[in-house]
Amino acid sequence: MKMALDFVSMETAALEAEAENHLLHPYLDLYGDVLEAVMTRVPTIDLISASRISREWCCAVRSSLRRQPRRSPWLLLRHLCHPSSPIFSLHAFDPFSSSWLSLPQNSPSSDKKSQGTMLFLCGSTGDRLHSLSLSSMLVSEDPFGTAWRKEMKAPKVWRKDAVVAEVGRWIVVAGGGCPMVLEEGEEVGAVEVYDKHTGVWESAEPMPEEFDGSTSATWLSVAASDDRLYVMERETGLVGLFDPRTKRWGPTCKPRTDPNVQSWAIAIGHDERLLVVGVSPACESTTKMRFWEVNQETLQGSVSKLDEEMPREMVERLFPSVEGEYATWQSCLVEVCGTQRGGYVYNPSEIRNGAVLYEFAEEKGRIARRWEWVPLPERVGEIGMGRIEFGCSAISFDELASVWKKR
């Protein structure tokens, strides 16, 4: 038995060494359970090369993924080399191997990409690229933008900085109305819902008046489940829920958590639990960040709900110490992108500080079972200009293999 384990260890090390250089060797003498055991250790991207070596290797790859699914979401980074340029690069962080992949540039055809700015929308099944113009709206079929859905008409109200989210069968566009071009009866906080089954836009109840002055996406954090949209004011923690089925808003309130929090974000947790994230400014040189679970209906926390603090070393990565109270406050902003398996926390005012990966714990009494700092990929970090945007989505092996064919 010991000899067999030593053999697996030796062959695993050899295969992983080859995988780091993307040179999987087709003549490794591995079969059956031993081959499958090795595949469970190989970085996700290298499984694509392994699956093409032979039918047996392909079966081993598929079997290893069925037995040990890699469900943690990937961090997607969209980088515009120049703020005014439509040309961008896309990078993806694999949480299994803790490595970045630089992917082919993905955009709609040249006649469409100039219609609107390409951005990530918040999706209940993962973030997607989208473009919204005066006449039409485009949404990518996959996280990388290698395929695009049928072009749809734009919402009636023209918006400059709207919340855009995919909530189950609906696409919701809320707020961001441009006052200078609004027609009679239209509101800055107007909400419209697109039903993917019927292909029709419908007007909905506008954003609650409590959000007046902060109906633009810039001021809001957003989370989406299969049937609810949650929006949260970053500065005050005011949160509201929207039901696309009834096209109405539910309660709007501030969660009773920590009065010292001065920047807020919201996320969907494991089993569709609703979580809020708060950052408290530096006190005795220590900035603190906490996760709270709140009730999905009342939007309030309670003593029976979970709360957990992010490890100090991770917080310091996102919010490095700066001199002066004003400078500290300016850098203490927080945003989250994620799925029910986990996600990424980052500082939107200093996005080049990277992000912190969290994976949800399945056992009771804890929120996260893993924390890990994720620096920007080197080729992005070295460039001083341009716009960086984060998204997050679960990536299947087939989706990854499909995009890799186009490299």
Protein backbone atom coordinates (compact mmCIF):
# COMPACT_ATOMS: atom_id res chain seq x y z
CA MET A 1 0.00 0.00 0.00
CA LYS A 2 2.80 2.39 0.92
CA MET A 3 4.54 1.67 -2.39
CA ALA A 4 1.33 2.49 -4.28
CA LEU A 5 0.90 5.76 -2.40
CA ASP A 6 4.52 6.70 -3.08
CA PHE A 7 3.96 5.97 -6.75
CA VAL A 8 0.89 8.23 -6.86
CA SER A 9 2.79 10.97 -5.09
CA MET A 10 5.73 10.77 -7.50
CA GLU A 11 3.56 10.71 -10.60
CA THR A 12 1.38 13.54 -9.25
CA ALA A 13 4.42 15.72 -8.67
CA ALA A 14 5.69 14.97 -12.16
CA LEU A 15 2.34 15.76 -13.74
CA GLU A 16 1.93 19.00 -11.80
CA ALA A 17 5.43 20.08 -12.81
CA GLU A 18 4.53 19.46 -16.45
CA ALA A 19 1.20 21.25 -15.99
CA GLU A 20 2.87 24.43 -14.77
CA ASN A 21 4.50 24.73 -18.21
CA HIS A 22 1.34 23.57 -20.01
CA LEU A 23 3.25 20.50 -21.26
CA LEU A 24 1.24 17.48 -20.09
CA HIS A 25 3.16 14.39 -21.17
CA PRO A 26 1.10 11.77 -23.05
CA TYR A 27 3.31 8.88 -22.04
CA LEU A 28 2.93 8.93 -18.25
CA ASP A 29 2.09 5.41 -17.24
CA LEU A 30 -1.11 6.20 -15.34
CA TYR A 31 -4.41 4.35 -15.49
CA GLY A 32 -7.77 4.02 -13.76
CA ASP A 33 -8.13 5.26 -10.21
CA VAL A 34 -4.49 6.36 -10.05
CA LEU A 35 -4.93 8.59 -13.12
CA GLU A 36 -8.16 10.01 -11.71
CA ALA A 37 -6.47 10.73 -8.36
CA VAL A 38 -3.76 12.67 -10.17
CA MET A 39 -6.35 14.71 -12.09
CA THR A 40 -7.86 15.96 -8.84
CA ARG A 41 -4.57 17.80 -8.21
CA VAL A 42 -4.08 19.37 -11.65
CA PRO A 43 -4.87 23.10 -12.19
CA THR A 44 -8.20 23.57 -13.94
CA ILE A 45 -6.81 25.07 -17.12
CA ASP A 46 -4.39 22.15 -17.58
CA LEU A 47 -7.26 19.68 -17.43
CA ILE A 48 -8.19 20.89 -20.91
CA SER A 49 -4.86 19.68 -22.34
CA ALA A 50 -5.11 16.47 -20.32
CA SER A 51 -8.59 15.70 -21.64
CA ARG A 52 -7.33 15.82 -25.22
CA ILE A 53 -4.53 13.29 -24.79
CA SER A 54 -6.72 10.22 -25.08
CA ARG A 55 -10.22 8.97 -24.44
CA GLU A 56 -9.10 7.39 -21.16
CA TRP A 57 -7.56 10.64 -19.94
CA CYS A 58 -10.71 12.53 -20.92
CA CYS A 59 -12.83 10.10 -18.91
CA ALA A 60 -10.46 10.48 -15.94
CA VAL A 61 -10.78 14.27 -16.09
CA ARG A 62 -14.59 14.11 -16.22
CA SER A 63 -14.76 11.56 -13.43
CA SER A 64 -12.47 13.59 -11.16
CA LEU A 65 -14.66 16.67 -11.63
CA ARG A 66 -17.81 14.71 -10.83
CA ARG A 67 -16.32 13.32 -7.64
CA GLN A 68 -14.71 16.58 -6.52
CA PRO A 69 -16.55 19.47 -8.25
CA ARG A 70 -14.68 22.76 -8.38
CA ARG A 71 -17.59 24.99 -7.48
CA SER A 72 -15.89 28.07 -6.07
CA PRO A 73 -16.51 31.05 -8.36
CA TRP A 74 -13.80 32.63 -10.47
CA LEU A 75 -12.89 36.30 -10.26
CA LEU A 76 -13.18 38.04 -13.63
CA LEU A 77 -11.18 41.17 -14.35
CA ARG A 78 -11.99 43.43 -17.26
CA HIS A 79 -9.27 45.97 -18.06
CA LEU A 80 -9.63 48.92 -20.43
CA CYS A 81 -6.10 49.99 -21.29
CA HIS A 82 -7.40 53.54 -21.84
CA PRO A 83 -10.62 54.93 -20.31
CA SER A 84 -11.92 56.16 -23.68
CA SER A 85 -11.03 53.00 -25.62
CA PRO A 86 -13.48 50.17 -26.39
CA ILE A 87 -10.55 47.72 -26.44
CA PHE A 88 -10.20 45.65 -23.30
CA SER A 89 -8.51 42.55 -21.96
CA LEU A 90 -10.16 39.88 -19.85
CA HIS A 91 -8.46 37.91 -17.09
CA ALA A 92 -9.83 35.12 -14.88
CA PHE A 93 -8.61 33.93 -11.48
CA ASP A 94 -8.92 30.19 -10.81
CA PRO A 95 -9.51 29.73 -7.05
CA PHE A 96 -8.47 26.06 -7.26
CA SER A 97 -4.92 26.75 -8.45
CA SER A 98 -4.77 30.38 -7.20
CA SER A 99 -3.57 31.56 -10.61
CA TRP A 100 -4.65 34.07 -13.24
CA LEU A 101 -5.44 33.25 -16.86
CA SER A 102 -5.29 35.87 -19.59
CA LEU A 103 -8.12 35.20 -22.01
CA PRO A 104 -8.76 36.28 -25.58
CA GLN A 105 -10.27 39.72 -25.98
CA ASN A 106 -14.02 39.23 -26.11
CA SER A 107 -16.56 41.69 -27.43
CA PRO A 108 -19.58 41.73 -29.73
CA SER A 109 -19.02 42.24 -33.43
CA SER A 110 -17.49 45.55 -34.45
CA ASP A 111 -20.84 46.98 -35.56
CA LYS A 112 -22.27 46.40 -32.07
CA LYS A 113 -19.48 47.10 -29.62
CA SER A 114 -19.68 50.85 -30.20
CA GLN A 115 -23.34 50.98 -29.18
CA GLY A 116 -22.62 51.18 -25.47
CA THR A 117 -19.99 50.67 -22.79
CA MET A 118 -19.27 47.01 -21.98
CA LEU A 119 -19.74 46.32 -18.25
CA PHE A 120 -20.51 43.43 -15.90
CA LEU A 121 -24.09 43.02 -14.71
CA CYS A 122 -24.91 41.29 -11.43
CA GLY A 123 -26.43 37.87 -12.12
CA SER A 124 -28.14 35.34 -9.87
CA THR A 125 -26.21 32.59 -11.68
CA GLY A 126 -23.04 34.63 -12.18
CA ASP A 127 -22.02 37.98 -13.60
CA ARG A 128 -22.24 38.59 -17.35
CA LEU A 129 -20.97 41.28 -19.69
CA HIS A 130 -23.59 43.62 -21.07
CA SER A 131 -23.92 46.73 -23.19
CA LEU A 132 -26.79 49.20 -22.96
CA SER A 133 -27.38 51.90 -25.55
CA LEU A 134 -30.23 54.19 -26.58
CA SER A 135 -31.62 51.60 -28.99
CA SER A 136 -30.60 48.15 -27.77
CA MET A 137 -29.18 45.96 -25.04
CA LEU A 138 -26.73 43.06 -25.33
CA VAL A 139 -25.97 40.40 -22.72
CA SER A 140 -23.27 37.74 -23.02
CA GLU A 141 -24.25 34.07 -22.97
CA ASP A 142 -21.22 33.05 -20.91
CA PRO A 143 -18.96 34.74 -18.33
CA PHE A 144 -16.23 35.43 -20.91
CA GLY A 145 -18.38 37.03 -23.59
CA THR A 146 -17.53 34.42 -26.25
CA ALA A 147 -21.21 34.14 -27.21
CA TRP A 148 -23.99 36.72 -27.12
CA ARG A 149 -27.73 36.43 -26.73
CA LYS A 150 -30.15 37.78 -29.26
CA GLU A 151 -30.10 41.55 -29.22
CA MET A 152 -33.03 43.06 -27.33
CA LYS A 153 -34.62 46.48 -27.41
CA ALA A 154 -33.38 49.01 -24.88
CA PRO A 155 -35.56 50.03 -21.91
CA LYS A 156 -37.85 52.98 -22.55
CA VAL A 157 -36.11 55.32 -20.09
CA TRP A 158 -32.62 56.42 -21.12
CA ARG A 159 -30.15 55.87 -18.29
CA LYS A 160 -26.57 56.93 -17.74
CA ASP A 161 -25.51 54.86 -14.70
CA ALA A 162 -28.21 52.30 -13.97
CA VAL A 163 -28.29 49.18 -11.82
CA VAL A 164 -28.50 46.22 -14.21
CA ALA A 165 -29.10 42.73 -12.80
CA GLU A 166 -30.23 39.32 -14.00
CA VAL A 167 -32.70 37.87 -11.49
CA GLY A 168 -33.74 34.38 -12.58
CA ARG A 169 -35.88 34.75 -15.73
CA TRP A 170 -35.83 38.56 -15.54
CA ILE A 171 -33.41 41.36 -16.32
CA VAL A 172 -33.97 44.38 -14.09
CA VAL A 173 -32.79 47.89 -14.95
CA ALA A 174 -33.23 50.34 -12.09
CA GLY A 175 -32.35 53.98 -11.47
CA GLY A 176 -29.71 55.96 -13.31
CA GLY A 177 -32.26 57.98 -15.27
CA CYS A 178 -30.69 60.99 -16.96
CA PRO A 179 -32.64 64.11 -15.81
CA MET A 180 -31.73 66.10 -18.92
CA VAL A 181 -33.50 63.70 -21.30
CA LEU A 182 -36.35 62.36 -19.17
CA GLU A 183 -39.77 62.70 -20.72
CA GLU A 184 -42.91 63.76 -18.90
CA GLY A 185 -43.87 61.18 -16.28
CA GLU A 186 -40.47 59.46 -16.26
CA GLU A 187 -38.39 59.34 -13.08
CA VAL A 188 -34.68 59.20 -12.26
CA GLY A 189 -35.38 56.09 -10.18
CA ALA A 190 -37.52 54.39 -12.82
CA VAL A 191 -37.45 50.58 -12.89
CA GLU A 192 -38.08 48.37 -15.92
CA VAL A 193 -38.20 44.56 -16.07
CA TYR A 194 -37.44 42.38 -19.11
CA ASP A 195 -39.02 38.92 -19.11
CA LYS A 196 -36.73 36.54 -21.01
CA HIS A 197 -39.65 34.18 -21.63
CA THR A 198 -41.88 36.76 -23.33
CA GLY A 199 -39.20 39.12 -24.65
CA VAL A 200 -41.08 42.17 -23.36
CA TRP A 201 -40.05 45.14 -21.19
CA GLU A 202 -42.53 46.25 -18.53
CA SER A 203 -42.51 49.26 -16.24
CA ALA A 204 -42.35 48.58 -12.49
CA GLU A 205 -42.66 50.50 -9.25
CA PRO A 206 -39.83 53.09 -9.15
CA MET A 207 -37.09 52.94 -6.55
CA PRO A 208 -38.26 53.93 -3.04
CA GLU A 209 -38.05 57.64 -2.26
CA GLU A 210 -35.54 56.83 0.52
CA PHE A 211 -32.99 56.31 -2.29
CA ASP A 212 -33.51 59.80 -3.73
CA GLY A 213 -30.10 61.24 -4.58
CA SER A 214 -28.47 57.80 -4.80
CA THR A 215 -30.31 55.96 -7.56
CA SER A 216 -27.18 55.55 -9.69
CA ALA A 217 -25.13 52.34 -9.67
CA THR A 218 -22.09 54.29 -8.47
CA TRP A 219 -23.70 54.75 -5.05
CA LEU A 220 -25.22 51.30 -4.70
CA SER A 221 -24.14 47.73 -3.96
CA VAL A 222 -26.27 45.04 -5.62
CA ALA A 223 -27.00 41.33 -5.05
CA ALA A 224 -29.37 39.03 -6.94
CA SER A 225 -30.99 35.71 -6.07
CA ASP A 226 -33.25 33.70 -8.38
CA ASP A 227 -36.30 35.77 -7.39
CA ARG A 228 -35.12 38.91 -5.59
CA LEU A 229 -32.94 41.93 -6.26
CA TYR A 230 -31.31 43.67 -3.29
CA VAL A 231 -29.82 47.15 -3.49
CA MET A 232 -27.83 48.80 -0.72
CA GLU A 233 -26.63 52.37 -0.37
CA ARG A 234 -22.87 52.14 0.15
CA GLU A 235 -22.56 55.06 2.54
CA THR A 236 -25.62 54.66 4.78
CA GLY A 237 -26.36 50.94 4.62
CA LEU A 238 -29.95 51.59 3.51
CA VAL A 239 -31.16 48.42 1.80
CA GLY A 240 -34.27 47.54 -0.18
CA LEU A 241 -35.56 44.45 -1.97
CA PHE A 242 -37.33 44.26 -5.33
CA ASP A 243 -39.52 41.39 -6.54
CA PRO A 244 -39.49 41.24 -10.38
CA ARG A 245 -42.51 38.94 -10.39
CA THR A 246 -44.80 41.49 -8.70
CA LYS A 247 -42.71 44.43 -9.93
CA ARG A 248 -42.87 46.00 -6.51
CA TRP A 249 -40.43 46.92 -3.74
CA GLY A 250 -40.52 45.36 -0.30
CA PRO A 251 -39.21 46.90 2.95
CA THR A 252 -36.51 49.56 2.85
CA CYS A 253 -34.45 49.99 6.00
CA LYS A 254 -31.02 49.97 7.62
CA PRO A 255 -29.91 46.65 9.15
CA ARG A 256 -29.35 46.81 12.91
CA THR A 257 -25.73 45.71 13.00
CA ASP A 258 -22.80 48.01 13.85
CA PRO A 259 -23.27 51.81 14.06
CA ASN A 260 -19.53 52.33 13.48
CA VAL A 261 -19.65 51.00 9.91
CA GLN A 262 -19.09 53.71 7.32
CA SER A 263 -19.08 51.70 4.07
CA TRP A 264 -21.47 48.89 3.15
CA ALA A 265 -21.97 46.16 0.57
CA ILE A 266 -24.42 43.29 0.12
CA ALA A 267 -24.07 39.70 -1.12
CA ILE A 268 -25.96 36.42 -1.47
CA GLY A 269 -24.58 33.71 0.81
CA HIS A 270 -24.71 29.92 1.05
CA ASP A 271 -28.26 28.53 0.65
CA GLU A 272 -29.34 32.00 -0.55
CA ARG A 273 -28.70 33.57 2.83
CA LEU A 274 -28.47 37.36 2.66
CA LEU A 275 -25.23 38.90 3.89
CA VAL A 276 -24.11 42.47 4.42
CA VAL A 277 -20.48 43.54 4.65
CA GLY A 278 -19.34 46.57 6.61
CA VAL A 279 -16.05 48.41 7.00
CA SER A 280 -15.28 50.43 10.11
CA PRO A 281 -12.62 53.17 9.74
CA ALA A 282 -9.21 52.73 11.31
CA CYS A 283 -9.25 52.76 15.09
CA GLU A 284 -5.89 52.47 16.75
CA SER A 285 -4.42 51.78 13.28
CA THR A 286 -6.80 48.87 12.63
CA THR A 287 -9.52 48.90 9.96
CA LYS A 288 -12.16 46.22 10.56
CA MET A 289 -14.44 44.41 8.16
CA ARG A 290 -17.33 42.17 9.18
CA PHE A 291 -19.92 39.93 7.50
CA TRP A 292 -23.44 39.76 8.96
CA GLU A 293 -26.33 37.53 8.01
CA VAL A 294 -29.65 39.39 7.84
CA ASN A 295 -33.22 38.22 7.39
CA GLN A 296 -34.26 38.08 3.73
CA GLU A 297 -37.72 39.44 4.45
CA THR A 298 -37.19 42.03 7.19
CA LEU A 299 -33.59 42.90 6.14
CA GLN A 300 -32.59 42.95 9.81
CA GLY A 301 -29.93 41.07 11.74
CA SER A 302 -30.50 39.33 15.05
CA VAL A 303 -28.55 37.62 17.80
CA SER A 304 -29.37 34.25 16.23
CA LYS A 305 -27.82 35.23 12.92
CA LEU A 306 -24.16 34.78 12.05
CA ASP A 307 -21.53 37.47 12.00
CA GLU A 308 -17.85 37.03 11.28
CA GLU A 309 -14.79 39.26 11.01
CA MET A 310 -12.37 39.11 8.09
CA PRO A 311 -8.80 38.21 9.19
CA ARG A 312 -6.77 41.29 9.98
CA GLU A 313 -3.99 40.50 7.48
CA MET A 314 -6.54 40.40 4.66
CA VAL A 315 -8.09 43.71 5.68
CA GLU A 316 -4.67 45.31 5.71
CA ARG A 317 -4.13 44.15 2.11
CA LEU A 318 -7.27 45.95 0.98
CA PHE A 319 -6.85 49.00 3.22
CA PRO A 320 -3.14 49.63 3.75
CA SER A 321 -2.34 52.15 6.48
CA VAL A 322 -2.21 55.76 5.35
CA GLU A 323 -1.45 58.92 7.27
CA GLY A 324 -4.21 61.31 8.19
CA GLU A 325 -7.83 60.70 9.10
CA TYR A 326 -9.14 62.13 5.82
CA ALA A 327 -6.94 59.85 3.69
CA THR A 328 -7.98 56.82 5.73
CA TRP A 329 -11.69 57.52 5.28
CA GLN A 330 -11.31 58.09 1.55
CA SER A 331 -9.77 54.63 1.09
CA CYS A 332 -12.30 52.71 3.23
CA LEU A 333 -14.88 51.69 0.64
CA VAL A 334 -16.02 48.11 0.12
CA GLU A 335 -17.69 46.08 -2.62
CA VAL A 336 -18.49 42.39 -3.08
CA CYS A 337 -19.06 40.17 -6.10
CA GLY A 338 -19.93 36.55 -5.58
CA THR A 339 -22.23 33.53 -5.77
CA GLN A 340 -23.76 31.13 -3.25
CA ARG A 341 -20.43 29.28 -3.06
CA GLY A 342 -18.26 32.29 -2.25
CA GLY A 343 -16.93 35.45 -3.78
CA TYR A 344 -14.49 38.33 -3.62
CA VAL A 345 -14.30 41.50 -1.53
CA TYR A 346 -12.42 44.52 -2.80
CA ASN A 347 -11.91 48.24 -2.27
CA PRO A 348 -13.52 50.03 -5.25
CA SER A 349 -11.61 53.24 -4.56
CA GLU A 350 -8.25 51.38 -4.66
CA ILE A 351 -9.02 48.42 -6.90
CA ARG A 352 -5.33 47.85 -7.64
CA ASN A 353 -4.94 46.62 -4.07
CA GLY A 354 -6.44 43.37 -5.35
CA ALA A 355 -9.28 41.37 -3.78
CA VAL A 356 -9.88 38.88 -0.98
CA LEU A 357 -11.38 35.50 -1.84
CA TYR A 358 -13.87 33.97 0.59
CA GLU A 359 -15.45 30.52 0.39
CA PHE A 360 -18.58 29.82 2.39
CA ALA A 361 -18.50 27.19 5.10
CA GLU A 362 -21.20 24.54 4.89
CA GLU A 363 -21.11 23.72 8.59
CA LYS A 364 -23.23 25.69 11.02
CA GLY A 365 -21.76 28.47 13.12
CA ARG A 366 -19.42 29.91 10.47
CA ILE A 367 -19.73 32.08 7.39
CA ALA A 368 -16.37 31.53 5.67
CA ARG A 369 -14.04 28.53 5.68
CA ARG A 370 -11.32 30.08 3.53
CA TRP A 371 -9.83 33.55 3.08
CA GLU A 372 -7.14 34.32 0.49
CA TRP A 373 -5.65 37.51 -0.88
CA VAL A 374 -5.76 37.78 -4.68
CA PRO A 375 -3.31 40.28 -6.23
CA LEU A 376 -3.94 41.66 -9.72
CA PRO A 377 -2.27 39.79 -12.59
CA GLU A 378 1.21 41.14 -13.27
CA ARG A 379 0.47 42.42 -16.77
CA VAL A 380 -2.42 44.52 -15.39
CA GLY A 381 -0.67 45.71 -12.24
CA GLU A 382 2.26 47.03 -14.24
CA ILE A 383 0.03 49.32 -16.34
CA GLY A 384 -0.65 52.58 -14.56
CA MET A 385 -3.66 53.78 -16.55
CA GLY A 386 -6.98 52.36 -17.59
CA ARG A 387 -10.20 51.23 -15.99
CA ILE A 388 -10.46 47.97 -14.05
CA GLU A 389 -13.74 46.23 -13.28
CA PHE A 390 -14.39 43.01 -11.34
CA GLY A 391 -17.04 40.38 -11.95
CA CYS A 392 -17.56 36.91 -10.52
CA SER A 393 -19.03 33.68 -11.84
CA ALA A 394 -18.88 29.93 -11.48
CA ILE A 395 -16.98 28.53 -14.48
CA SER A 396 -17.73 25.06 -15.81
CA PHE A 397 -15.07 22.90 -17.44
CA ASP A 398 -16.98 22.99 -20.74
CA GLU A 399 -17.15 26.81 -20.70
CA LEU A 400 -13.42 27.02 -20.07
CA ALA A 401 -12.65 24.48 -22.82
CA SER A 402 -14.86 26.38 -25.26
CA VAL A 403 -13.13 29.72 -24.75
CA TRP A 404 -9.70 28.08 -24.83
CA LYS A 405 -10.35 26.83 -28.38
CA LYS A 406 -10.46 30.44 -29.51
CA ARG A 407 -7.04 31.37 -28.16
